[in-house]
Amino acid sequence: MTQAILTAHGHLTGAVEGLIDFIKSVNEKRIQRKAIRETEKELQSLTNAELYDIGLTRGDIYMVARSSDTIANVRANNNLGGWV
């Protein structure tokens, strides 16, 4: 009987942990989608000249917003050294 109770408890615990992991995953995806939307919105609000200054074109916005390491993928314009 004790073994049956422990087995049931183990299955229930596994199910609850699985549900918690699922909820965390959904929340992380929601946060990620929000960050993508905000990044796209900010980049879309820049002029073409401003985008060029940071080394981007309008066609780059989609990829940059979805990049996991966005900062590492964007190269600075060498002409912008010093005071801007």
C-alpha atoms as a PDB file:
ATOM      1  CA  MET A   1       0.000   0.000   0.000  1.00  0.00           C
ATOM      2  CA  THR A   2       2.812   2.399   0.889  1.00  0.00           C
ATOM      3  CA  GLN A   3       4.478   1.697  -2.443  1.00  0.00           C
ATOM      4  CA  ALA A   4       1.246   2.467  -4.295  1.00  0.00           C
ATOM      5  CA  ILE A   5       0.868   5.768  -2.440  1.00  0.00           C
ATOM      6  CA  LEU A   6       4.482   6.732  -3.153  1.00  0.00           C
ATOM      7  CA  THR A   7       4.069   5.814  -6.824  1.00  0.00           C
ATOM      8  CA  ALA A   8       0.877   7.875  -7.102  1.00  0.00           C
ATOM      9  CA  HIS A   9       2.578  10.763  -5.324  1.00  0.00           C
ATOM     10  CA  GLY A  10       5.516  10.537  -7.745  1.00  0.00           C
ATOM     11  CA  HIS A  11       3.229  10.618 -10.768  1.00  0.00           C
ATOM     12  CA  LEU A  12       1.250  13.534  -9.357  1.00  0.00           C
ATOM     13  CA  THR A  13       4.417  15.437  -8.531  1.00  0.00           C
ATOM     14  CA  GLY A  14       5.736  14.825 -12.051  1.00  0.00           C
ATOM     15  CA  ALA A  15       2.504  16.063 -13.579  1.00  0.00           C
ATOM     16  CA  VAL A  16       2.489  19.207 -11.436  1.00  0.00           C
ATOM     17  CA  GLU A  17       6.131  19.903 -12.259  1.00  0.00           C
ATOM     18  CA  GLY A  18       5.359  19.405 -15.951  1.00  0.00           C
ATOM     19  CA  LEU A  19       2.467  21.871 -15.716  1.00  0.00           C
ATOM     20  CA  ILE A  20       4.655  24.421 -13.938  1.00  0.00           C
ATOM     21  CA  ASP A  21       7.365  24.031 -16.599  1.00  0.00           C
ATOM     22  CA  PHE A  22       4.742  24.515 -19.323  1.00  0.00           C
ATOM     23  CA  ILE A  23       3.431  27.697 -17.700  1.00  0.00           C
ATOM     24  CA  LYS A  24       6.976  29.041 -17.316  1.00  0.00           C
ATOM     25  CA  SER A  25       7.688  28.272 -20.962  1.00  0.00           C
ATOM     26  CA  VAL A  26       4.529  30.049 -22.130  1.00  0.00           C
ATOM     27  CA  ASN A  27       5.400  33.072 -19.991  1.00  0.00           C
ATOM     28  CA  GLU A  28       8.981  33.178 -21.315  1.00  0.00           C
ATOM     29  CA  LYS A  29       7.692  33.067 -24.895  1.00  0.00           C
ATOM     30  CA  ARG A  30       5.238  35.876 -24.109  1.00  0.00           C
ATOM     31  CA  ILE A  31       8.041  38.010 -22.702  1.00  0.00           C
ATOM     32  CA  GLN A  32      10.208  37.213 -25.731  1.00  0.00           C
ATOM     33  CA  ARG A  33       7.439  38.176 -28.189  1.00  0.00           C
ATOM     34  CA  LYS A  34       6.899  41.435 -26.285  1.00  0.00           C
ATOM     35  CA  ALA A  35      10.608  42.267 -26.516  1.00  0.00           C
ATOM     36  CA  ILE A  36      10.552  41.537 -30.263  1.00  0.00           C
ATOM     37  CA  ARG A  37       7.530  43.804 -30.792  1.00  0.00           C
ATOM     38  CA  GLU A  38       9.130  46.614 -28.768  1.00  0.00           C
ATOM     39  CA  THR A  39      12.434  46.302 -30.639  1.00  0.00           C
ATOM     40  CA  GLU A  40      10.668  46.372 -34.005  1.00  0.00           C
ATOM     41  CA  LYS A  41       8.577  49.366 -32.948  1.00  0.00           C
ATOM     42  CA  GLU A  42      11.633  51.321 -31.809  1.00  0.00           C
ATOM     43  CA  LEU A  43      13.637  50.513 -34.937  1.00  0.00           C
ATOM     44  CA  GLN A  44      10.688  51.280 -37.243  1.00  0.00           C
ATOM     45  CA  SER A  45      10.381  54.707 -35.623  1.00  0.00           C
ATOM     46  CA  LEU A  46      13.923  55.631 -36.726  1.00  0.00           C
ATOM     47  CA  THR A  47      14.539  57.414 -39.993  1.00  0.00           C
ATOM     48  CA  ASN A  48      16.499  55.729 -42.778  1.00  0.00           C
ATOM     49  CA  ALA A  49      19.461  57.986 -41.981  1.00  0.00           C
ATOM     50  CA  GLU A  50      19.384  57.010 -38.301  1.00  0.00           C
ATOM     51  CA  LEU A  51      19.206  53.334 -39.222  1.00  0.00           C
ATOM     52  CA  TYR A  52      22.152  53.802 -41.579  1.00  0.00           C
ATOM     53  CA  ASP A  53      24.115  55.467 -38.770  1.00  0.00           C
ATOM     54  CA  ILE A  54      23.801  52.309 -36.667  1.00  0.00           C
ATOM     55  CA  GLY A  55      24.586  50.091 -39.628  1.00  0.00           C
ATOM     56  CA  LEU A  56      21.083  48.854 -40.411  1.00  0.00           C
ATOM     57  CA  THR A  57      18.555  49.070 -43.205  1.00  0.00           C
ATOM     58  CA  ARG A  58      14.776  48.646 -42.947  1.00  0.00           C
ATOM     59  CA  GLY A  59      15.211  45.123 -44.266  1.00  0.00           C
ATOM     60  CA  ASP A  60      17.423  44.243 -41.280  1.00  0.00           C
ATOM     61  CA  ILE A  61      14.818  45.123 -38.641  1.00  0.00           C
ATOM     62  CA  TYR A  62      12.973  41.788 -38.768  1.00  0.00           C
ATOM     63  CA  MET A  63      16.150  39.759 -38.299  1.00  0.00           C
ATOM     64  CA  VAL A  64      17.680  42.047 -35.679  1.00  0.00           C
ATOM     65  CA  ALA A  65      14.527  42.010 -33.556  1.00  0.00           C
ATOM     66  CA  ARG A  66      14.475  38.213 -33.546  1.00  0.00           C
ATOM     67  CA  SER A  67      18.180  37.694 -32.969  1.00  0.00           C
ATOM     68  CA  SER A  68      19.028  36.210 -29.580  1.00  0.00           C
ATOM     69  CA  ASP A  69      22.228  38.231 -29.382  1.00  0.00           C
ATOM     70  CA  THR A  70      21.111  41.399 -31.114  1.00  0.00           C
ATOM     71  CA  ILE A  71      23.884  43.591 -29.747  1.00  0.00           C
ATOM     72  CA  ALA A  72      26.607  41.241 -30.993  1.00  0.00           C
ATOM     73  CA  ASN A  73      25.139  41.216 -34.517  1.00  0.00           C
ATOM     74  CA  VAL A  74      25.010  44.979 -34.986  1.00  0.00           C
ATOM     75  CA  ARG A  75      28.254  46.619 -36.042  1.00  0.00           C
ATOM     76  CA  ALA A  76      28.738  50.268 -35.271  1.00  0.00           C
ATOM     77  CA  ASN A  77      29.344  52.712 -38.082  1.00  0.00           C
ATOM     78  CA  ASN A  78      33.062  53.597 -37.892  1.00  0.00           C
ATOM     79  CA  ASN A  79      32.257  57.163 -38.928  1.00  0.00           C
ATOM     80  CA  LEU A  80      30.524  57.755 -35.613  1.00  0.00           C
ATOM     81  CA  GLY A  81      33.648  57.661 -33.437  1.00  0.00           C
ATOM     82  CA  GLY A  82      33.870  60.360 -30.797  1.00  0.00           C
ATOM     83  CA  TRP A  83      31.058  62.764 -30.014  1.00  0.00           C
ATOM     84  CA  VAL A  84      27.788  62.258 -31.795  1.00  0.00           C
END
